[in-house]
Amino acid sequence: STELKCKMKFGIYLPPKAETGKCPVLYWLSGLTCTEQNFITKAGFQQAAAEHGLIVVAPDTSPR
């Protein structure tokens, strides 16, 4: 990130629908103690995102 002056990491969920068409994107800012990886485990959003055809992008929001 040029704004934060550091490298950023992202967790990205692609629903099955993304293989064949366009999908809306939800940028989910998870909170102070989540990384891009443990957010995916804690949030449990995959089923809802798949049902609604949402791509979910979760940046690492842990303290720097």
PDB file of N, CA and C in Angstrom:
ATOM      1  N   SER A   1       0.837  -1.177   0.000  1.00  0.00           N
ATOM      2  CA  SER A   1       0.000   0.000   0.000  1.00  0.00           C
ATOM      3  C   SER A   1       0.885   1.245   0.000  1.00  0.00           C
ATOM      4  N   THR A   2       0.654   2.110  -0.934  1.00  0.00           N
ATOM      5  CA  THR A   2       1.413   3.361  -0.933  1.00  0.00           C
ATOM      6  C   THR A   2       0.964   4.262   0.213  1.00  0.00           C
ATOM      7  N   GLU A   3      -0.292   4.181   0.571  1.00  0.00           N
ATOM      8  CA  GLU A   3      -0.818   5.014   1.656  1.00  0.00           C
ATOM      9  C   GLU A   3      -0.254   4.596   3.012  1.00  0.00           C
ATOM     10  N   LEU A   4      -0.201   3.291   3.271  1.00  0.00           N
ATOM     11  CA  LEU A   4       0.297   2.791   4.555  1.00  0.00           C
ATOM     12  C   LEU A   4       1.803   2.562   4.568  1.00  0.00           C
ATOM     13  N   LYS A   5       2.404   2.626   3.387  1.00  0.00           N
ATOM     14  CA  LYS A   5       3.845   2.433   3.227  1.00  0.00           C
ATOM     15  C   LYS A   5       4.303   1.066   3.734  1.00  0.00           C
ATOM     16  N   CYS A   6       3.553   0.034   3.377  1.00  0.00           N
ATOM     17  CA  CYS A   6       3.918  -1.331   3.737  1.00  0.00           C
ATOM     18  C   CYS A   6       3.249  -2.301   2.760  1.00  0.00           C
ATOM     19  N   LYS A   7       3.734  -3.532   2.771  1.00  0.00           N
ATOM     20  CA  LYS A   7       3.112  -4.559   1.943  1.00  0.00           C
ATOM     21  C   LYS A   7       1.802  -4.989   2.586  1.00  0.00           C
ATOM     22  N   MET A   8       0.800  -5.214   1.771  1.00  0.00           N
ATOM     23  CA  MET A   8      -0.515  -5.636   2.265  1.00  0.00           C
ATOM     24  C   MET A   8      -0.778  -7.071   1.831  1.00  0.00           C
ATOM     25  N   LYS A   9      -1.514  -7.805   2.667  1.00  0.00           N
ATOM     26  CA  LYS A   9      -1.938  -9.165   2.350  1.00  0.00           C
ATOM     27  C   LYS A   9      -3.461  -9.184   2.332  1.00  0.00           C
ATOM     28  N   PHE A  10      -4.015 -10.033   1.469  1.00  0.00           N
ATOM     29  CA  PHE A  10      -5.466 -10.125   1.334  1.00  0.00           C
ATOM     30  C   PHE A  10      -5.890 -11.579   1.287  1.00  0.00           C
ATOM     31  N   GLY A  11      -7.001 -11.893   1.930  1.00  0.00           N
ATOM     32  CA  GLY A  11      -7.674 -13.169   1.757  1.00  0.00           C
ATOM     33  C   GLY A  11      -8.816 -12.923   0.788  1.00  0.00           C
ATOM     34  N   ILE A  12      -8.969 -13.779  -0.216  1.00  0.00           N
ATOM     35  CA  ILE A  12     -10.016 -13.582  -1.218  1.00  0.00           C
ATOM     36  C   ILE A  12     -10.825 -14.858  -1.359  1.00  0.00           C
ATOM     37  N   TYR A  13     -12.142 -14.721  -1.251  1.00  0.00           N
ATOM     38  CA  TYR A  13     -13.050 -15.847  -1.477  1.00  0.00           C
ATOM     39  C   TYR A  13     -13.736 -15.629  -2.818  1.00  0.00           C
ATOM     40  N   LEU A  14     -13.656 -16.633  -3.680  1.00  0.00           N
ATOM     41  CA  LEU A  14     -14.351 -16.598  -4.964  1.00  0.00           C
ATOM     42  C   LEU A  14     -15.471 -17.630  -4.940  1.00  0.00           C
ATOM     43  N   PRO A  15     -16.718 -17.204  -5.144  1.00  0.00           N
ATOM     44  CA  PRO A  15     -17.824 -18.158  -5.152  1.00  0.00           C
ATOM     45  C   PRO A  15     -17.803 -18.967  -6.447  1.00  0.00           C
ATOM     46  N   PRO A  16     -18.471 -20.105  -6.479  1.00  0.00           N
ATOM     47  CA  PRO A  16     -18.512 -20.913  -7.703  1.00  0.00           C
ATOM     48  C   PRO A  16     -18.988 -20.119  -8.924  1.00  0.00           C
ATOM     49  N   LYS A  17     -19.899 -19.192  -8.726  1.00  0.00           N
ATOM     50  CA  LYS A  17     -20.439 -18.388  -9.833  1.00  0.00           C
ATOM     51  C   LYS A  17     -19.352 -17.569 -10.534  1.00  0.00           C
ATOM     52  N   ALA A  18     -18.262 -17.263  -9.837  1.00  0.00           N
ATOM     53  CA  ALA A  18     -17.188 -16.443 -10.409  1.00  0.00           C
ATOM     54  C   ALA A  18     -16.484 -17.144 -11.564  1.00  0.00           C
ATOM     55  N   GLU A  19     -16.601 -18.467 -11.648  1.00  0.00           N
ATOM     56  CA  GLU A  19     -15.972 -19.199 -12.753  1.00  0.00           C
ATOM     57  C   GLU A  19     -16.655 -18.924 -14.082  1.00  0.00           C
ATOM     58  N   THR A  20     -17.925 -18.548 -14.054  1.00  0.00           N
ATOM     59  CA  THR A  20     -18.679 -18.400 -15.298  1.00  0.00           C
ATOM     60  C   THR A  20     -19.216 -17.001 -15.545  1.00  0.00           C
ATOM     61  N   GLY A  21     -19.073 -16.101 -14.589  1.00  0.00           N
ATOM     62  CA  GLY A  21     -19.621 -14.764 -14.789  1.00  0.00           C
ATOM     63  C   GLY A  21     -19.110 -13.760 -13.783  1.00  0.00           C
ATOM     64  N   LYS A  22     -19.620 -12.556 -13.928  1.00  0.00           N
ATOM     65  CA  LYS A  22     -19.231 -11.474 -13.027  1.00  0.00           C
ATOM     66  C   LYS A  22     -19.966 -11.601 -11.700  1.00  0.00           C
ATOM     67  N   CYS A  23     -19.301 -11.143 -10.636  1.00  0.00           N
ATOM     68  CA  CYS A  23     -19.885 -11.170  -9.295  1.00  0.00           C
ATOM     69  C   CYS A  23     -19.574  -9.850  -8.596  1.00  0.00           C
ATOM     70  N   PRO A  24     -20.470  -9.392  -7.730  1.00  0.00           N
ATOM     71  CA  PRO A  24     -20.157  -8.204  -6.933  1.00  0.00           C
ATOM     72  C   PRO A  24     -19.070  -8.528  -5.910  1.00  0.00           C
ATOM     73  N   VAL A  25     -18.355  -7.484  -5.496  1.00  0.00           N
ATOM     74  CA  VAL A  25     -17.257  -7.653  -4.537  1.00  0.00           C
ATOM     75  C   VAL A  25     -17.609  -6.950  -3.231  1.00  0.00           C
ATOM     76  N   LEU A  26     -17.393  -7.654  -2.129  1.00  0.00           N
ATOM     77  CA  LEU A  26     -17.571  -7.093  -0.791  1.00  0.00           C
ATOM     78  C   LEU A  26     -16.191  -7.000  -0.145  1.00  0.00           C
ATOM     79  N   TYR A  27     -15.779  -5.792   0.236  1.00  0.00           N
ATOM     80  CA  TYR A  27     -14.521  -5.595   0.953  1.00  0.00           C
ATOM     81  C   TYR A  27     -14.852  -5.597   2.438  1.00  0.00           C
ATOM     82  N   TRP A  28     -14.391  -6.624   3.158  1.00  0.00           N
ATOM     83  CA  TRP A  28     -14.756  -6.822   4.557  1.00  0.00           C
ATOM     84  C   TRP A  28     -13.563  -6.457   5.432  1.00  0.00           C
ATOM     85  N   LEU A  29     -13.702  -5.365   6.178  1.00  0.00           N
ATOM     86  CA  LEU A  29     -12.661  -4.948   7.118  1.00  0.00           C
ATOM     87  C   LEU A  29     -12.964  -5.631   8.442  1.00  0.00           C
ATOM     88  N   SER A  30     -12.158  -6.600   8.785  1.00  0.00           N
ATOM     89  CA  SER A  30     -12.501  -7.539   9.850  1.00  0.00           C
ATOM     90  C   SER A  30     -12.270  -7.046  11.269  1.00  0.00           C
ATOM     91  N   GLY A  31     -11.406  -6.130  11.477  1.00  0.00           N
ATOM     92  CA  GLY A  31     -11.147  -5.655  12.835  1.00  0.00           C
ATOM     93  C   GLY A  31      -9.685  -5.746  13.200  1.00  0.00           C
ATOM     94  N   LEU A  32      -9.377  -5.258  14.355  1.00  0.00           N
ATOM     95  CA  LEU A  32      -7.993  -5.059  14.775  1.00  0.00           C
ATOM     96  C   LEU A  32      -7.178  -6.329  14.913  1.00  0.00           C
ATOM     97  N   THR A  33      -7.768  -7.429  15.327  1.00  0.00           N
ATOM     98  CA  THR A  33      -6.963  -8.612  15.632  1.00  0.00           C
ATOM     99  C   THR A  33      -6.990  -9.686  14.552  1.00  0.00           C
ATOM    100  N   CYS A  34      -7.583  -9.405  13.411  1.00  0.00           N
ATOM    101  CA  CYS A  34      -7.679 -10.433  12.363  1.00  0.00           C
ATOM    102  C   CYS A  34      -6.643 -10.216  11.271  1.00  0.00           C
ATOM    103  N   THR A  35      -6.063 -11.315  10.843  1.00  0.00           N
ATOM    104  CA  THR A  35      -5.220 -11.287   9.655  1.00  0.00           C
ATOM    105  C   THR A  35      -6.086 -11.699   8.477  1.00  0.00           C
ATOM    106  N   GLU A  36      -5.540 -11.631   7.293  1.00  0.00           N
ATOM    107  CA  GLU A  36      -6.301 -12.037   6.107  1.00  0.00           C
ATOM    108  C   GLU A  36      -6.626 -13.525   6.138  1.00  0.00           C
ATOM    109  N   GLN A  37      -5.862 -14.320   6.893  1.00  0.00           N
ATOM    110  CA  GLN A  37      -6.092 -15.761   6.964  1.00  0.00           C
ATOM    111  C   GLN A  37      -7.039 -16.166   8.088  1.00  0.00           C
ATOM    112  N   ASN A  38      -6.821 -15.683   9.308  1.00  0.00           N
ATOM    113  CA  ASN A  38      -7.696 -16.140  10.393  1.00  0.00           C
ATOM    114  C   ASN A  38      -9.095 -15.541  10.301  1.00  0.00           C
ATOM    115  N   PHE A  39      -9.262 -14.461   9.579  1.00  0.00           N
ATOM    116  CA  PHE A  39     -10.591 -13.906   9.339  1.00  0.00           C
ATOM    117  C   PHE A  39     -11.485 -14.920   8.635  1.00  0.00           C
ATOM    118  N   ILE A  40     -10.940 -15.595   7.650  1.00  0.00           N
ATOM    119  CA  ILE A  40     -11.717 -16.568   6.881  1.00  0.00           C
ATOM    120  C   ILE A  40     -12.263 -17.654   7.802  1.00  0.00           C
ATOM    121  N   THR A  41     -11.460 -18.084   8.752  1.00  0.00           N
ATOM    122  CA  THR A  41     -11.889 -19.112   9.696  1.00  0.00           C
ATOM    123  C   THR A  41     -12.905 -18.566  10.696  1.00  0.00           C
ATOM    124  N   LYS A  42     -12.663 -17.386  11.232  1.00  0.00           N
ATOM    125  CA  LYS A  42     -13.522 -16.813  12.270  1.00  0.00           C
ATOM    126  C   LYS A  42     -14.890 -16.363  11.752  1.00  0.00           C
ATOM    127  N   ALA A  43     -14.943 -15.811  10.557  1.00  0.00           N
ATOM    128  CA  ALA A  43     -16.166 -15.171  10.076  1.00  0.00           C
ATOM    129  C   ALA A  43     -17.247 -16.153   9.647  1.00  0.00           C
ATOM    130  N   GLY A  44     -16.867 -17.269   9.047  1.00  0.00           N
ATOM    131  CA  GLY A  44     -17.849 -18.240   8.594  1.00  0.00           C
ATOM    132  C   GLY A  44     -18.777 -17.705   7.517  1.00  0.00           C
ATOM    133  N   PHE A  45     -18.280 -16.896   6.622  1.00  0.00           N
ATOM    134  CA  PHE A  45     -19.099 -16.245   5.609  1.00  0.00           C
ATOM    135  C   PHE A  45     -19.235 -17.025   4.307  1.00  0.00           C
ATOM    136  N   GLN A  46     -18.460 -18.084   4.119  1.00  0.00           N
ATOM    137  CA  GLN A  46     -18.377 -18.731   2.817  1.00  0.00           C
ATOM    138  C   GLN A  46     -19.726 -19.198   2.276  1.00  0.00           C
ATOM    139  N   GLN A  47     -20.552 -19.813   3.095  1.00  0.00           N
ATOM    140  CA  GLN A  47     -21.834 -20.326   2.616  1.00  0.00           C
ATOM    141  C   GLN A  47     -22.733 -19.188   2.127  1.00  0.00           C
ATOM    142  N   ALA A  48     -22.833 -18.123   2.904  1.00  0.00           N
ATOM    143  CA  ALA A  48     -23.670 -16.988   2.504  1.00  0.00           C
ATOM    144  C   ALA A  48     -23.124 -16.328   1.244  1.00  0.00           C
ATOM    145  N   ALA A  49     -21.802 -16.183   1.153  1.00  0.00           N
ATOM    146  CA  ALA A  49     -21.201 -15.577  -0.035  1.00  0.00           C
ATOM    147  C   ALA A  49     -21.447 -16.444  -1.263  1.00  0.00           C
ATOM    148  N   ALA A  50     -21.362 -17.759  -1.112  1.00  0.00           N
ATOM    149  CA  ALA A  50     -21.622 -18.666  -2.230  1.00  0.00           C
ATOM    150  C   ALA A  50     -23.078 -18.565  -2.672  1.00  0.00           C
ATOM    151  N   GLU A  51     -23.998 -18.549  -1.714  1.00  0.00           N
ATOM    152  CA  GLU A  51     -25.425 -18.473  -2.040  1.00  0.00           C
ATOM    153  C   GLU A  51     -25.786 -17.187  -2.774  1.00  0.00           C
ATOM    154  N   HIS A  52     -25.105 -16.091  -2.438  1.00  0.00           N
ATOM    155  CA  HIS A  52     -25.421 -14.796  -3.038  1.00  0.00           C
ATOM    156  C   HIS A  52     -24.454 -14.410  -4.162  1.00  0.00           C
ATOM    157  N   GLY A  53     -23.506 -15.272  -4.473  1.00  0.00           N
ATOM    158  CA  GLY A  53     -22.562 -14.997  -5.551  1.00  0.00           C
ATOM    159  C   GLY A  53     -21.648 -13.821  -5.281  1.00  0.00           C
ATOM    160  N   LEU A  54     -21.186 -13.686  -4.041  1.00  0.00           N
ATOM    161  CA  LEU A  54     -20.325 -12.565  -3.660  1.00  0.00           C
ATOM    162  C   LEU A  54     -18.859 -12.962  -3.604  1.00  0.00           C
ATOM    163  N   ILE A  55     -18.020 -12.136  -4.182  1.00  0.00           N
ATOM    164  CA  ILE A  55     -16.580 -12.235  -3.961  1.00  0.00           C
ATOM    165  C   ILE A  55     -16.302 -11.456  -2.679  1.00  0.00           C
ATOM    166  N   VAL A  56     -15.518 -12.029  -1.776  1.00  0.00           N
ATOM    167  CA  VAL A  56     -15.190 -11.344  -0.522  1.00  0.00           C
ATOM    168  C   VAL A  56     -13.681 -11.130  -0.463  1.00  0.00           C
ATOM    169  N   VAL A  57     -13.293  -9.879  -0.267  1.00  0.00           N
ATOM    170  CA  VAL A  57     -11.882  -9.511  -0.135  1.00  0.00           C
ATOM    171  C   VAL A  57     -11.671  -9.037   1.298  1.00  0.00           C
ATOM    172  N   ALA A  58     -10.743  -9.691   2.002  1.00  0.00           N
ATOM    173  CA  ALA A  58     -10.474  -9.369   3.402  1.00  0.00           C
ATOM    174  C   ALA A  58      -9.006  -8.984   3.564  1.00  0.00           C
ATOM    175  N   PRO A  59      -8.724  -7.696   3.738  1.00  0.00           N
ATOM    176  CA  PRO A  59      -7.335  -7.294   3.952  1.00  0.00           C
ATOM    177  C   PRO A  59      -6.877  -7.621   5.365  1.00  0.00           C
ATOM    178  N   ASP A  60      -5.580  -7.757   5.514  1.00  0.00           N
ATOM    179  CA  ASP A  60      -4.973  -7.940   6.834  1.00  0.00           C
ATOM    180  C   ASP A  60      -5.134  -6.625   7.588  1.00  0.00           C
ATOM    181  N   THR A  61      -5.898  -6.646   8.681  1.00  0.00           N
ATOM    182  CA  THR A  61      -6.111  -5.427   9.470  1.00  0.00           C
ATOM    183  C   THR A  61      -5.384  -5.475  10.810  1.00  0.00           C
ATOM    184  N   SER A  62      -4.438  -6.417  10.943  1.00  0.00           N
ATOM    185  CA  SER A  62      -3.701  -6.519  12.202  1.00  0.00           C
ATOM    186  C   SER A  62      -2.789  -5.302  12.378  1.00  0.00           C
ATOM    187  N   PRO A  63      -2.454  -4.968  13.618  1.00  0.00           N
ATOM    188  CA  PRO A  63      -1.614  -3.791  13.879  1.00  0.00           C
ATOM    189  C   PRO A  63      -0.253  -3.899  13.198  1.00  0.00           C
ATOM    190  N   ARG A  64       0.274  -2.794  12.827  1.00  0.00           N
ATOM    191  CA  ARG A  64       1.582  -2.742  12.182  1.00  0.00           C
ATOM    192  C   ARG A  64       2.584  -2.151  13.153  1.00  0.00           C
TER     193      ARG A  64
END
